[in-house]
Amino acid sequence: MMDRELQESEERAQKLEAEAVLETFWSESGNIVMKAPSGHKLKDVARYEVKVKESIVPEGDLEELDAEKKV
């Protein structure tokens, strides 16, 4: 039981870390785009924010989903 709790705790920590990295990236990306010289390709960047509810994300990995498609 403790192993499962430890694994779940590690998974939550990894998820939070990944979310923090993405948040940092997107919060800093605006500054990079704004500092780009006029006419630079970075000025063509569009931002679009989407949040996916965890309840609609399929369980399992991509290999399992691909196997289901082939059946």
PDB file of N, CA and C in Angstrom:
ATOM      1  N   MET A   1       0.812  -1.187   0.000  1.00  0.00           N
ATOM      2  CA  MET A   1       0.000   0.000   0.000  1.00  0.00           C
ATOM      3  C   MET A   1       0.863   1.262   0.000  1.00  0.00           C
ATOM      4  N   MET A   2       1.921   1.253   0.772  1.00  0.00           N
ATOM      5  CA  MET A   2       2.788   2.424   0.831  1.00  0.00           C
ATOM      6  C   MET A   2       3.474   2.675  -0.499  1.00  0.00           C
ATOM      7  N   ASP A   3       3.817   1.596  -1.223  1.00  0.00           N
ATOM      8  CA  ASP A   3       4.455   1.755  -2.523  1.00  0.00           C
ATOM      9  C   ASP A   3       3.519   2.474  -3.493  1.00  0.00           C
ATOM     10  N   ARG A   4       2.263   2.103  -3.458  1.00  0.00           N
ATOM     11  CA  ARG A   4       1.283   2.731  -4.351  1.00  0.00           C
ATOM     12  C   ARG A   4       1.099   4.210  -3.989  1.00  0.00           C
ATOM     13  N   GLU A   5       1.029   4.511  -2.708  1.00  0.00           N
ATOM     14  CA  GLU A   5       0.889   5.899  -2.259  1.00  0.00           C
ATOM     15  C   GLU A   5       2.110   6.711  -2.655  1.00  0.00           C
ATOM     16  N   LEU A   6       3.284   6.115  -2.511  1.00  0.00           N
ATOM     17  CA  LEU A   6       4.518   6.791  -2.892  1.00  0.00           C
ATOM     18  C   LEU A   6       4.535   7.063  -4.393  1.00  0.00           C
ATOM     19  N   GLN A   7       4.113   6.075  -5.181  1.00  0.00           N
ATOM     20  CA  GLN A   7       4.070   6.237  -6.637  1.00  0.00           C
ATOM     21  C   GLN A   7       3.085   7.337  -7.030  1.00  0.00           C
ATOM     22  N   GLU A   8       1.904   7.344  -6.404  1.00  0.00           N
ATOM     23  CA  GLU A   8       0.909   8.377  -6.701  1.00  0.00           C
ATOM     24  C   GLU A   8       1.427   9.753  -6.309  1.00  0.00           C
ATOM     25  N   SER A   9       2.118   9.819  -5.200  1.00  0.00           N
ATOM     26  CA  SER A   9       2.694  11.087  -4.758  1.00  0.00           C
ATOM     27  C   SER A   9       3.745  11.585  -5.742  1.00  0.00           C
ATOM     28  N   GLU A  10       4.584  10.677  -6.221  1.00  0.00           N
ATOM     29  CA  GLU A  10       5.605  11.040  -7.208  1.00  0.00           C
ATOM     30  C   GLU A  10       4.965  11.492  -8.519  1.00  0.00           C
ATOM     31  N   GLU A  11       3.900  10.812  -8.932  1.00  0.00           N
ATOM     32  CA  GLU A  11       3.204  11.191 -10.168  1.00  0.00           C
ATOM     33  C   GLU A  11       2.592  12.581 -10.041  1.00  0.00           C
ATOM     34  N   ARG A  12       1.993  12.872  -8.890  1.00  0.00           N
ATOM     35  CA  ARG A  12       1.430  14.211  -8.668  1.00  0.00           C
ATOM     36  C   ARG A  12       2.524  15.268  -8.693  1.00  0.00           C
ATOM     37  N   ALA A  13       3.668  14.953  -8.074  1.00  0.00           N
ATOM     38  CA  ALA A  13       4.788  15.901  -8.054  1.00  0.00           C
ATOM     39  C   ALA A  13       5.310  16.148  -9.469  1.00  0.00           C
ATOM     40  N   GLN A  14       5.398  15.098 -10.270  1.00  0.00           N
ATOM     41  CA  GLN A  14       5.859  15.246 -11.655  1.00  0.00           C
ATOM     42  C   GLN A  14       4.877  16.084 -12.469  1.00  0.00           C
ATOM     43  N   LYS A  15       3.586  15.855 -12.241  1.00  0.00           N
ATOM     44  CA  LYS A  15       2.569  16.613 -12.959  1.00  0.00           C
ATOM     45  C   LYS A  15       2.640  18.094 -12.588  1.00  0.00           C
ATOM     46  N   LEU A  16       2.775  18.374 -11.301  1.00  0.00           N
ATOM     47  CA  LEU A  16       2.879  19.764 -10.854  1.00  0.00           C
ATOM     48  C   LEU A  16       4.134  20.431 -11.410  1.00  0.00           C
ATOM     49  N   GLU A  17       5.236  19.683 -11.461  1.00  0.00           N
ATOM     50  CA  GLU A  17       6.475  20.235 -12.002  1.00  0.00           C
ATOM     51  C   GLU A  17       6.322  20.549 -13.487  1.00  0.00           C
ATOM     52  N   ALA A  18       5.689  19.640 -14.236  1.00  0.00           N
ATOM     53  CA  ALA A  18       5.476  19.866 -15.669  1.00  0.00           C
ATOM     54  C   ALA A  18       4.581  21.081 -15.900  1.00  0.00           C
ATOM     55  N   GLU A  19       3.544  21.220 -15.086  1.00  0.00           N
ATOM     56  CA  GLU A  19       2.662  22.378 -15.204  1.00  0.00           C
ATOM     57  C   GLU A  19       3.415  23.667 -14.904  1.00  0.00           C
ATOM     58  N   ALA A  20       4.300  23.633 -13.911  1.00  0.00           N
ATOM     59  CA  ALA A  20       5.082  24.817 -13.561  1.00  0.00           C
ATOM     60  C   ALA A  20       6.034  25.199 -14.698  1.00  0.00           C
ATOM     61  N   VAL A  21       6.644  24.195 -15.321  1.00  0.00           N
ATOM     62  CA  VAL A  21       7.556  24.458 -16.443  1.00  0.00           C
ATOM     63  C   VAL A  21       6.790  25.100 -17.602  1.00  0.00           C
ATOM     64  N   LEU A  22       5.612  24.571 -17.913  1.00  0.00           N
ATOM     65  CA  LEU A  22       4.805  25.145 -18.994  1.00  0.00           C
ATOM     66  C   LEU A  22       4.364  26.563 -18.667  1.00  0.00           C
ATOM     67  N   GLU A  23       3.950  26.781 -17.440  1.00  0.00           N
ATOM     68  CA  GLU A  23       3.516  28.105 -17.017  1.00  0.00           C
ATOM     69  C   GLU A  23       4.661  29.114 -17.135  1.00  0.00           C
ATOM     70  N   THR A  24       5.853  28.688 -16.717  1.00  0.00           N
ATOM     71  CA  THR A  24       7.030  29.557 -16.825  1.00  0.00           C
ATOM     72  C   THR A  24       7.338  29.861 -18.285  1.00  0.00           C
ATOM     73  N   PHE A  25       7.299  28.830 -19.116  1.00  0.00           N
ATOM     74  CA  PHE A  25       7.574  29.029 -20.542  1.00  0.00           C
ATOM     75  C   PHE A  25       6.631  30.061 -21.147  1.00  0.00           C
ATOM     76  N   TRP A  26       5.321  29.862 -20.927  1.00  0.00           N
ATOM     77  CA  TRP A  26       4.351  30.764 -21.536  1.00  0.00           C
ATOM     78  C   TRP A  26       4.395  32.158 -20.921  1.00  0.00           C
ATOM     79  N   SER A  27       4.701  32.262 -19.646  1.00  0.00           N
ATOM     80  CA  SER A  27       4.768  33.600 -19.043  1.00  0.00           C
ATOM     81  C   SER A  27       5.974  34.370 -19.573  1.00  0.00           C
ATOM     82  N   GLU A  28       7.055  33.667 -19.887  1.00  0.00           N
ATOM     83  CA  GLU A  28       8.244  34.325 -20.411  1.00  0.00           C
ATOM     84  C   GLU A  28       8.194  34.510 -21.927  1.00  0.00           C
ATOM     85  N   SER A  29       7.388  33.730 -22.615  1.00  0.00           N
ATOM     86  CA  SER A  29       7.354  33.815 -24.079  1.00  0.00           C
ATOM     87  C   SER A  29       6.821  35.166 -24.551  1.00  0.00           C
ATOM     88  N   GLY A  30       5.899  35.736 -23.811  1.00  0.00           N
ATOM     89  CA  GLY A  30       5.368  37.046 -24.193  1.00  0.00           C
ATOM     90  C   GLY A  30       6.451  38.109 -24.216  1.00  0.00           C
ATOM     91  N   ASN A  31       7.332  38.089 -23.238  1.00  0.00           N
ATOM     92  CA  ASN A  31       8.432  39.062 -23.186  1.00  0.00           C
ATOM     93  C   ASN A  31       9.376  38.880 -24.357  1.00  0.00           C
ATOM     94  N   ILE A  32       9.658  37.639 -24.708  1.00  0.00           N
ATOM     95  CA  ILE A  32      10.562  37.367 -25.829  1.00  0.00           C
ATOM     96  C   ILE A  32       9.961  37.890 -27.124  1.00  0.00           C
ATOM     97  N   VAL A  33       8.679  37.659 -27.325  1.00  0.00           N
ATOM     98  CA  VAL A  33       8.010  38.121 -28.541  1.00  0.00           C
ATOM     99  C   VAL A  33       7.989  39.643 -28.591  1.00  0.00           C
ATOM    100  N   MET A  34       7.692  40.256 -27.477  1.00  0.00           N
ATOM    101  CA  MET A  34       7.614  41.726 -27.447  1.00  0.00           C
ATOM    102  C   MET A  34       8.971  42.373 -27.694  1.00  0.00           C
ATOM    103  N   LYS A  35      10.051  41.711 -27.296  1.00  0.00           N
ATOM    104  CA  LYS A  35      11.395  42.277 -27.463  1.00  0.00           C
ATOM    105  C   LYS A  35      11.969  42.024 -28.852  1.00  0.00           C
ATOM    106  N   ALA A  36      11.313  41.207 -29.649  1.00  0.00           N
ATOM    107  CA  ALA A  36      11.809  40.914 -30.992  1.00  0.00           C
ATOM    108  C   ALA A  36      11.730  42.173 -31.851  1.00  0.00           C
ATOM    109  N   PRO A  37      12.701  42.338 -32.731  1.00  0.00           N
ATOM    110  CA  PRO A  37      12.694  43.524 -33.594  1.00  0.00           C
ATOM    111  C   PRO A  37      11.459  43.557 -34.498  1.00  0.00           C
ATOM    112  N   SER A  38      11.067  44.733 -34.904  1.00  0.00           N
ATOM    113  CA  SER A  38       9.927  44.909 -35.792  1.00  0.00           C
ATOM    114  C   SER A  38      10.148  44.118 -37.083  1.00  0.00           C
ATOM    115  N   GLY A  39       9.126  43.394 -37.509  1.00  0.00           N
ATOM    116  CA  GLY A  39       9.224  42.599 -38.731  1.00  0.00           C
ATOM    117  C   GLY A  39       9.791  41.209 -38.507  1.00  0.00           C
ATOM    118  N   HIS A  40      10.201  40.889 -37.295  1.00  0.00           N
ATOM    119  CA  HIS A  40      10.765  39.575 -36.992  1.00  0.00           C
ATOM    120  C   HIS A  40       9.668  38.521 -37.008  1.00  0.00           C
ATOM    121  N   LYS A  41      10.026  37.285 -37.384  1.00  0.00           N
ATOM    122  CA  LYS A  41       9.062  36.186 -37.455  1.00  0.00           C
ATOM    123  C   LYS A  41       8.408  35.901 -36.104  1.00  0.00           C
ATOM    124  N   LEU A  42       9.083  36.201 -34.998  1.00  0.00           N
ATOM    125  CA  LEU A  42       8.485  35.979 -33.684  1.00  0.00           C
ATOM    126  C   LEU A  42       7.217  36.801 -33.497  1.00  0.00           C
ATOM    127  N   LYS A  43       7.105  37.892 -34.203  1.00  0.00           N
ATOM    128  CA  LYS A  43       5.905  38.725 -34.101  1.00  0.00           C
ATOM    129  C   LYS A  43       4.686  38.027 -34.700  1.00  0.00           C
ATOM    130  N   ASP A  44       4.910  36.946 -35.458  1.00  0.00           N
ATOM    131  CA  ASP A  44       3.816  36.202 -36.076  1.00  0.00           C
ATOM    132  C   ASP A  44       3.239  35.124 -35.152  1.00  0.00           C
ATOM    133  N   VAL A  45       3.759  35.032 -33.933  1.00  0.00           N
ATOM    134  CA  VAL A  45       3.311  33.998 -32.999  1.00  0.00           C
ATOM    135  C   VAL A  45       1.922  34.342 -32.468  1.00  0.00           C
ATOM    136  N   ALA A  46       1.056  33.349 -32.468  1.00  0.00           N
ATOM    137  CA  ALA A  46      -0.284  33.519 -31.898  1.00  0.00           C
ATOM    138  C   ALA A  46      -0.370  32.674 -30.639  1.00  0.00           C
ATOM    139  N   ARG A  47      -1.041  33.190 -29.630  1.00  0.00           N
ATOM    140  CA  ARG A  47      -1.225  32.436 -28.385  1.00  0.00           C
ATOM    141  C   ARG A  47      -2.678  32.008 -28.279  1.00  0.00           C
ATOM    142  N   TYR A  48      -2.846  30.766 -27.877  1.00  0.00           N
ATOM    143  CA  TYR A  48      -4.177  30.212 -27.719  1.00  0.00           C
ATOM    144  C   TYR A  48      -4.143  29.328 -26.484  1.00  0.00           C
ATOM    145  N   GLU A  49      -4.996  29.598 -25.540  1.00  0.00           N
ATOM    146  CA  GLU A  49      -4.979  28.852 -24.290  1.00  0.00           C
ATOM    147  C   GLU A  49      -6.176  27.922 -24.214  1.00  0.00           C
ATOM    148  N   VAL A  50      -5.893  26.657 -23.935  1.00  0.00           N
ATOM    149  CA  VAL A  50      -6.932  25.640 -23.818  1.00  0.00           C
ATOM    150  C   VAL A  50      -6.647  24.826 -22.568  1.00  0.00           C
ATOM    151  N   LYS A  51      -7.681  24.552 -21.805  1.00  0.00           N
ATOM    152  CA  LYS A  51      -7.539  23.668 -20.654  1.00  0.00           C
ATOM    153  C   LYS A  51      -8.426  22.457 -20.896  1.00  0.00           C
ATOM    154  N   VAL A  52      -7.839  21.287 -20.743  1.00  0.00           N
ATOM    155  CA  VAL A  52      -8.560  20.038 -20.947  1.00  0.00           C
ATOM    156  C   VAL A  52      -8.873  19.454 -19.582  1.00  0.00           C
ATOM    157  N   LYS A  53     -10.133  19.163 -19.357  1.00  0.00           N
ATOM    158  CA  LYS A  53     -10.519  18.561 -18.093  1.00  0.00           C
ATOM    159  C   LYS A  53      -9.945  17.160 -18.012  1.00  0.00           C
ATOM    160  N   GLU A  54      -9.438  16.832 -16.848  1.00  0.00           N
ATOM    161  CA  GLU A  54      -8.823  15.531 -16.660  1.00  0.00           C
ATOM    162  C   GLU A  54      -9.823  14.406 -16.889  1.00  0.00           C
ATOM    163  N   SER A  55     -11.096  14.674 -16.667  1.00  0.00           N
ATOM    164  CA  SER A  55     -12.106  13.631 -16.812  1.00  0.00           C
ATOM    165  C   SER A  55     -12.308  13.199 -18.260  1.00  0.00           C
ATOM    166  N   ILE A  56     -11.889  14.013 -19.235  1.00  0.00           N
ATOM    167  CA  ILE A  56     -12.070  13.619 -20.632  1.00  0.00           C
ATOM    168  C   ILE A  56     -10.787  13.101 -21.270  1.00  0.00           C
ATOM    169  N   VAL A  57      -9.698  13.113 -20.529  1.00  0.00           N
ATOM    170  CA  VAL A  57      -8.450  12.575 -21.043  1.00  0.00           C
ATOM    171  C   VAL A  57      -8.510  11.060 -20.909  1.00  0.00           C
ATOM    172  N   PRO A  58      -8.254  10.330 -21.993  1.00  0.00           N
ATOM    173  CA  PRO A  58      -8.365   8.867 -21.928  1.00  0.00           C
ATOM    174  C   PRO A  58      -7.328   8.262 -20.990  1.00  0.00           C
ATOM    175  N   GLU A  59      -7.735   7.204 -20.329  1.00  0.00           N
ATOM    176  CA  GLU A  59      -6.822   6.456 -19.470  1.00  0.00           C
ATOM    177  C   GLU A  59      -5.898   5.622 -20.350  1.00  0.00           C
ATOM    178  N   GLY A  60      -4.742   5.272 -19.851  1.00  0.00           N
ATOM    179  CA  GLY A  60      -3.822   4.397 -20.573  1.00  0.00           C
ATOM    180  C   GLY A  60      -2.845   5.188 -21.419  1.00  0.00           C
ATOM    181  N   ASP A  61      -1.952   4.458 -22.051  1.00  0.00           N
ATOM    182  CA  ASP A  61      -0.939   5.117 -22.863  1.00  0.00           C
ATOM    183  C   ASP A  61      -1.327   5.105 -24.342  1.00  0.00           C
ATOM    184  N   LEU A  62      -0.517   5.750 -25.144  1.00  0.00           N
ATOM    185  CA  LEU A  62      -0.817   5.882 -26.568  1.00  0.00           C
ATOM    186  C   LEU A  62      -0.813   4.539 -27.296  1.00  0.00           C
ATOM    187  N   GLU A  63       0.030   3.618 -26.871  1.00  0.00           N
ATOM    188  CA  GLU A  63       0.085   2.310 -27.528  1.00  0.00           C
ATOM    189  C   GLU A  63      -1.246   1.578 -27.374  1.00  0.00           C
ATOM    190  N   GLU A  64      -1.852   1.673 -26.195  1.00  0.00           N
ATOM    191  CA  GLU A  64      -3.144   1.022 -25.974  1.00  0.00           C
ATOM    192  C   GLU A  64      -4.216   1.668 -26.851  1.00  0.00           C
ATOM    193  N   LEU A  65      -4.184   2.980 -26.957  1.00  0.00           N
ATOM    194  CA  LEU A  65      -5.174   3.683 -27.782  1.00  0.00           C
ATOM    195  C   LEU A  65      -4.998   3.320 -29.259  1.00  0.00           C
ATOM    196  N   ASP A  66      -3.760   3.224 -29.730  1.00  0.00           N
ATOM    197  CA  ASP A  66      -3.509   2.838 -31.114  1.00  0.00           C
ATOM    198  C   ASP A  66      -4.001   1.418 -31.375  1.00  0.00           C
ATOM    199  N   ALA A  67      -3.809   0.531 -30.407  1.00  0.00           N
ATOM    200  CA  ALA A  67      -4.272  -0.850 -30.567  1.00  0.00           C
ATOM    201  C   ALA A  67      -5.784  -0.907 -30.678  1.00  0.00           C
ATOM    202  N   GLU A  68      -6.487  -0.054 -29.919  1.00  0.00           N
ATOM    203  CA  GLU A  68      -7.951  -0.002 -29.995  1.00  0.00           C
ATOM    204  C   GLU A  68      -8.417   0.485 -31.353  1.00  0.00           C
ATOM    205  N   LYS A  69      -7.684   1.416 -31.954  1.00  0.00           N
ATOM    206  CA  LYS A  69      -8.069   1.945 -33.270  1.00  0.00           C
ATOM    207  C   LYS A  69      -7.973   0.855 -34.339  1.00  0.00           C
ATOM    208  N   LYS A  70      -7.011  -0.024 -34.205  1.00  0.00           N
ATOM    209  CA  LYS A  70      -6.750  -1.047 -35.220  1.00  0.00           C
ATOM    210  C   LYS A  70      -7.769  -2.176 -35.187  1.00  0.00           C
ATOM    211  N   VAL A  71      -8.511  -2.279 -34.096  1.00  0.00           N
ATOM    212  CA  VAL A  71      -9.474  -3.386 -33.962  1.00  0.00           C
ATOM    213  C   VAL A  71     -10.743  -3.086 -34.698  1.00  0.00           C
TER     214      VAL A  71
END
